[in-house]
C-alpha cells in the first residue's frame, strides 16, 4: 500500500517534515536529491521554489513543478523518523473555523 501524506511542512536547509496517515512523522532531507538529480538543482537556484512545495490530490507526492516531485513511498522509506511530539507537522488547531491562538 502506498503511504498517504496527511500534512507536511518545508523547513530550512531543504528539509521536509512529513506526517503520514498512519501517524508516522519523518524528516526528509532533499539536499542529497539536489546534489544528485539534475532537475532538483532548481530548488537551490530558483529563489523561493523550495518553500512553494505542494501536495498532489492523491496525497502520494510532494511536488514543486512538472519536473520536480518526491513520491510519498520514497519519503516514508528514506526519511528519518521524528519522535518529538512538539515537532509534528499537523494542521493548526481551530475553534469555530478560526485558528486557535492561546
N, C-alpha and C. Protein backbone atom coordinates (compact mmCIF):
# COMPACT_ATOMS: atom_id res chain seq x y z
N UNK A 1 0.84 -1.17 0.00
CA UNK A 1 0.00 0.00 0.00
C UNK A 1 0.89 1.25 0.00
N UNK A 2 0.56 2.20 -0.82
CA UNK A 2 1.31 3.45 -0.91
C UNK A 2 0.95 4.33 0.28
N UNK A 3 1.96 4.80 1.03
CA UNK A 3 1.65 5.66 2.18
C UNK A 3 1.11 7.02 1.71
N UNK A 4 0.08 7.48 2.39
CA UNK A 4 -0.52 8.77 2.05
C UNK A 4 -0.07 9.83 3.05
N UNK A 5 0.22 11.00 2.52
CA UNK A 5 0.69 12.12 3.33
C UNK A 5 -0.51 12.85 3.92
N UNK A 6 -0.46 13.06 5.24
CA UNK A 6 -1.52 13.81 5.91
C UNK A 6 -1.21 15.31 5.85
N UNK A 7 0.00 15.68 6.28
CA UNK A 7 0.45 17.07 6.23
C UNK A 7 1.96 17.10 6.02
N UNK A 8 2.45 18.24 5.61
CA UNK A 8 3.89 18.43 5.52
C UNK A 8 4.23 19.90 5.70
N UNK A 9 5.48 20.14 6.09
CA UNK A 9 5.99 21.50 6.28
C UNK A 9 7.38 21.55 5.65
N UNK A 10 7.67 22.64 4.93
CA UNK A 10 9.04 22.83 4.46
C UNK A 10 9.83 23.48 5.59
N UNK A 11 11.03 22.99 5.80
CA UNK A 11 11.92 23.51 6.83
C UNK A 11 13.14 24.14 6.17
N UNK A 12 13.97 24.78 6.97
CA UNK A 12 15.22 25.35 6.46
C UNK A 12 16.15 24.24 5.99
N UNK A 13 17.14 24.61 5.20
CA UNK A 13 18.18 23.69 4.72
C UNK A 13 17.61 22.53 3.90
N UNK A 14 16.56 22.81 3.13
CA UNK A 14 15.98 21.85 2.18
C UNK A 14 15.51 20.56 2.85
N UNK A 15 14.82 20.72 3.96
CA UNK A 15 14.25 19.56 4.65
C UNK A 15 12.74 19.66 4.66
N UNK A 16 12.10 18.51 4.67
CA UNK A 16 10.64 18.41 4.78
C UNK A 16 10.29 17.67 6.05
N UNK A 17 9.25 18.12 6.73
CA UNK A 17 8.70 17.41 7.87
C UNK A 17 7.34 16.89 7.43
N UNK A 18 7.19 15.58 7.40
CA UNK A 18 6.02 14.96 6.79
C UNK A 18 5.32 14.05 7.79
N UNK A 19 3.99 14.20 7.91
CA UNK A 19 3.17 13.32 8.72
C UNK A 19 2.32 12.47 7.78
N UNK A 20 2.34 11.17 8.00
CA UNK A 20 1.57 10.24 7.19
C UNK A 20 0.27 9.84 7.89
N UNK A 21 -0.66 9.30 7.12
CA UNK A 21 -1.95 8.89 7.67
C UNK A 21 -1.83 7.88 8.81
N UNK A 22 -0.78 7.06 8.79
CA UNK A 22 -0.62 6.06 9.85
C UNK A 22 0.01 6.64 11.12
N UNK A 23 0.27 7.96 11.14
CA UNK A 23 0.82 8.62 12.30
C UNK A 23 2.33 8.76 12.30
N UNK A 24 3.00 8.10 11.37
CA UNK A 24 4.45 8.20 11.30
C UNK A 24 4.84 9.60 10.85
N UNK A 25 5.85 10.18 11.52
CA UNK A 25 6.36 11.51 11.19
C UNK A 25 7.83 11.37 10.85
N UNK A 26 8.21 11.88 9.68
CA UNK A 26 9.60 11.79 9.25
C UNK A 26 10.11 13.15 8.80
N UNK A 27 11.42 13.30 8.92
CA UNK A 27 12.10 14.46 8.34
C UNK A 27 12.88 13.93 7.15
N UNK A 28 12.67 14.54 6.00
CA UNK A 28 13.34 14.11 4.77
C UNK A 28 14.24 15.23 4.29
N UNK A 29 15.50 14.93 4.07
CA UNK A 29 16.49 15.90 3.61
C UNK A 29 16.57 15.85 2.09
N UNK A 30 16.13 16.91 1.44
CA UNK A 30 16.11 16.98 -0.02
C UNK A 30 17.47 17.38 -0.58
N UNK A 31 18.40 17.81 0.26
CA UNK A 31 19.69 18.30 -0.24
C UNK A 31 20.48 17.22 -0.99
N UNK A 32 20.34 15.95 -0.58
CA UNK A 32 21.00 14.88 -1.34
C UNK A 32 20.43 14.78 -2.75
N UNK A 33 19.12 14.90 -2.87
CA UNK A 33 18.48 14.87 -4.19
C UNK A 33 18.93 16.06 -5.04
N UNK A 34 19.08 17.21 -4.41
CA UNK A 34 19.53 18.41 -5.13
C UNK A 34 20.92 18.19 -5.71
N UNK A 35 21.79 17.52 -4.95
CA UNK A 35 23.15 17.25 -5.44
C UNK A 35 23.17 16.18 -6.53
N UNK A 36 22.29 15.19 -6.46
CA UNK A 36 22.38 14.02 -7.33
C UNK A 36 21.43 14.02 -8.53
N UNK A 37 20.33 14.75 -8.47
CA UNK A 37 19.34 14.73 -9.55
C UNK A 37 19.33 16.09 -10.23
N UNK A 38 19.70 16.16 -11.51
CA UNK A 38 19.82 17.45 -12.19
C UNK A 38 18.60 18.36 -12.07
N UNK A 39 17.39 17.84 -12.24
CA UNK A 39 16.19 18.68 -12.18
C UNK A 39 16.00 19.31 -10.81
N UNK A 40 16.45 18.65 -9.76
CA UNK A 40 16.27 19.14 -8.40
C UNK A 40 17.16 20.34 -8.09
N UNK A 41 18.18 20.60 -8.91
CA UNK A 41 19.08 21.74 -8.67
C UNK A 41 18.31 23.07 -8.66
N UNK A 42 17.19 23.12 -9.39
CA UNK A 42 16.38 24.34 -9.40
C UNK A 42 15.88 24.71 -8.00
N UNK A 43 15.72 23.73 -7.13
CA UNK A 43 15.25 24.02 -5.77
C UNK A 43 16.25 24.89 -5.02
N UNK A 44 17.52 24.77 -5.37
CA UNK A 44 18.57 25.57 -4.73
C UNK A 44 18.87 26.86 -5.49
N UNK A 45 18.59 26.89 -6.80
CA UNK A 45 18.98 28.05 -7.59
C UNK A 45 17.83 29.03 -7.88
N UNK A 46 16.59 28.57 -7.79
CA UNK A 46 15.45 29.47 -8.02
C UNK A 46 14.92 29.91 -6.66
N UNK A 47 15.06 31.20 -6.38
CA UNK A 47 14.69 31.74 -5.08
C UNK A 47 13.22 31.44 -4.75
N UNK A 48 13.00 30.85 -3.57
CA UNK A 48 11.65 30.60 -3.08
C UNK A 48 10.97 29.35 -3.59
N UNK A 49 11.56 28.67 -4.57
CA UNK A 49 10.90 27.50 -5.14
C UNK A 49 10.70 26.40 -4.10
N UNK A 50 11.70 26.12 -3.29
CA UNK A 50 11.57 25.02 -2.33
C UNK A 50 10.39 25.24 -1.38
N UNK A 51 10.21 26.47 -0.91
CA UNK A 51 9.13 26.78 0.03
C UNK A 51 7.74 26.67 -0.62
N UNK A 52 7.67 26.59 -1.93
CA UNK A 52 6.39 26.50 -2.64
C UNK A 52 5.99 25.07 -2.96
N UNK A 53 6.44 24.13 -2.16
CA UNK A 53 6.07 22.72 -2.35
C UNK A 53 4.56 22.56 -2.19
N UNK A 54 4.03 21.59 -2.93
CA UNK A 54 2.59 21.30 -2.90
C UNK A 54 2.38 19.80 -2.78
N UNK A 55 1.21 19.42 -2.30
CA UNK A 55 0.82 18.02 -2.19
C UNK A 55 -0.18 17.72 -3.29
N UNK A 56 0.05 16.62 -4.04
CA UNK A 56 -0.90 16.29 -5.11
C UNK A 56 -2.21 15.80 -4.51
N UNK A 57 -3.25 15.75 -5.32
CA UNK A 57 -4.59 15.41 -4.84
C UNK A 57 -4.70 13.99 -4.30
N UNK A 58 -3.86 13.08 -4.75
CA UNK A 58 -3.90 11.71 -4.23
C UNK A 58 -3.16 11.59 -2.91
N UNK A 59 -2.44 12.64 -2.51
CA UNK A 59 -1.64 12.70 -1.28
C UNK A 59 -0.52 11.67 -1.28
N UNK A 60 0.01 11.36 -2.47
CA UNK A 60 1.11 10.40 -2.59
C UNK A 60 2.36 11.02 -3.20
N UNK A 61 2.39 12.35 -3.28
CA UNK A 61 3.53 13.00 -3.92
C UNK A 61 3.60 14.47 -3.49
N UNK A 62 4.79 14.91 -3.13
CA UNK A 62 5.05 16.33 -2.92
C UNK A 62 5.76 16.82 -4.17
N UNK A 63 5.29 17.94 -4.73
CA UNK A 63 5.88 18.41 -5.98
C UNK A 63 6.11 19.92 -5.95
N UNK A 64 7.00 20.35 -6.84
CA UNK A 64 7.31 21.77 -6.97
C UNK A 64 6.94 22.29 -8.36
N UNK A 65 7.14 21.47 -9.37
CA UNK A 65 6.75 21.82 -10.74
C UNK A 65 6.63 20.53 -11.54
N UNK A 66 6.54 20.62 -12.86
CA UNK A 66 6.34 19.42 -13.69
C UNK A 66 7.55 18.48 -13.70
N UNK A 67 8.72 18.99 -13.34
CA UNK A 67 9.93 18.17 -13.38
C UNK A 67 10.40 17.70 -12.00
N UNK A 68 9.94 18.33 -10.94
CA UNK A 68 10.46 18.03 -9.61
C UNK A 68 9.34 17.52 -8.70
N UNK A 69 9.45 16.26 -8.30
CA UNK A 69 8.50 15.70 -7.35
C UNK A 69 9.14 14.58 -6.53
N UNK A 70 8.56 14.33 -5.37
CA UNK A 70 9.03 13.28 -4.47
C UNK A 70 7.84 12.38 -4.12
N UNK A 71 7.91 11.11 -4.48
CA UNK A 71 6.81 10.20 -4.12
C UNK A 71 6.80 9.92 -2.61
N UNK A 72 5.61 9.73 -2.09
CA UNK A 72 5.46 9.51 -0.65
C UNK A 72 6.19 8.27 -0.16
N UNK A 73 6.25 7.22 -0.99
CA UNK A 73 6.94 6.00 -0.53
C UNK A 73 8.44 6.23 -0.36
N UNK A 74 9.03 7.11 -1.16
CA UNK A 74 10.44 7.45 -1.01
C UNK A 74 10.66 8.21 0.29
N UNK A 75 9.79 9.19 0.56
CA UNK A 75 9.89 9.98 1.79
C UNK A 75 9.71 9.06 3.01
N UNK A 76 8.73 8.17 2.93
CA UNK A 76 8.42 7.25 4.03
C UNK A 76 9.59 6.32 4.33
N UNK A 77 10.19 5.78 3.27
CA UNK A 77 11.27 4.80 3.44
C UNK A 77 12.60 5.44 3.85
N UNK A 78 12.93 6.58 3.25
CA UNK A 78 14.25 7.17 3.46
C UNK A 78 14.28 8.34 4.43
N UNK A 79 13.12 8.78 4.88
CA UNK A 79 13.08 9.86 5.86
C UNK A 79 13.50 9.35 7.23
N UNK A 80 13.94 10.27 8.07
CA UNK A 80 14.34 9.94 9.44
C UNK A 80 13.14 10.16 10.35
N UNK A 81 12.74 9.10 11.05
CA UNK A 81 11.56 9.19 11.90
C UNK A 81 11.78 10.19 13.02
N UNK A 82 10.75 11.00 13.28
CA UNK A 82 10.80 12.02 14.32
C UNK A 82 9.88 11.58 15.45
N UNK A 83 10.41 11.58 16.66
CA UNK A 83 9.62 11.12 17.80
C UNK A 83 9.21 12.24 18.73
N UNK A 84 9.76 13.43 18.57
CA UNK A 84 9.43 14.56 19.43
C UNK A 84 8.04 15.07 19.09
N UNK A 85 7.10 14.93 20.00
CA UNK A 85 5.71 15.30 19.75
C UNK A 85 5.52 16.80 19.52
N UNK A 86 6.49 17.62 19.95
CA UNK A 86 6.37 19.06 19.72
C UNK A 86 6.80 19.44 18.31
N UNK A 87 7.35 18.50 17.59
CA UNK A 87 7.90 18.76 16.26
C UNK A 87 7.15 17.94 15.23
N UNK A 88 5.83 18.15 15.17
CA UNK A 88 4.97 17.34 14.32
C UNK A 88 4.26 18.25 13.33
N UNK A 89 4.22 17.83 12.07
CA UNK A 89 3.55 18.60 11.03
C UNK A 89 2.06 18.30 11.07
N UNK A 90 1.32 19.04 11.85
CA UNK A 90 -0.12 18.85 11.97
C UNK A 90 -0.83 20.12 11.57
N UNK A 91 -2.12 19.99 11.29
CA UNK A 91 -2.92 21.15 10.98
C UNK A 91 -2.98 22.07 12.19
N UNK A 92 -3.12 23.37 11.96
CA UNK A 92 -3.26 24.32 13.04
C UNK A 92 -4.59 24.09 13.74
N UNK A 93 -4.60 23.99 15.06
CA UNK A 93 -5.86 23.79 15.77
C UNK A 93 -6.83 24.93 15.46
N UNK A 94 -8.10 24.61 15.40
CA UNK A 94 -9.10 25.63 15.08
C UNK A 94 -10.25 25.54 16.08
N UNK A 95 -10.90 26.69 16.29
CA UNK A 95 -12.09 26.76 17.13
C UNK A 95 -13.12 27.54 16.34
N UNK A 96 -14.27 26.91 16.07
CA UNK A 96 -15.31 27.54 15.27
C UNK A 96 -14.79 28.04 13.92
N UNK A 97 -13.88 27.26 13.32
CA UNK A 97 -13.37 27.60 12.00
C UNK A 97 -12.27 28.63 11.98
N UNK A 98 -11.93 29.19 13.14
CA UNK A 98 -10.88 30.20 13.24
C UNK A 98 -9.64 29.56 13.89
N UNK A 99 -8.43 29.94 13.44
CA UNK A 99 -7.22 29.41 14.07
C UNK A 99 -7.22 29.69 15.58
N UNK A 100 -6.83 28.69 16.35
CA UNK A 100 -6.76 28.82 17.79
C UNK A 100 -5.45 29.52 18.16
N UNK A 101 -5.56 30.58 18.92
CA UNK A 101 -4.39 31.30 19.39
C UNK A 101 -4.47 31.33 20.91
N UNK A 102 -3.57 30.63 21.60
CA UNK A 102 -3.63 30.61 23.07
C UNK A 102 -3.30 31.96 23.67
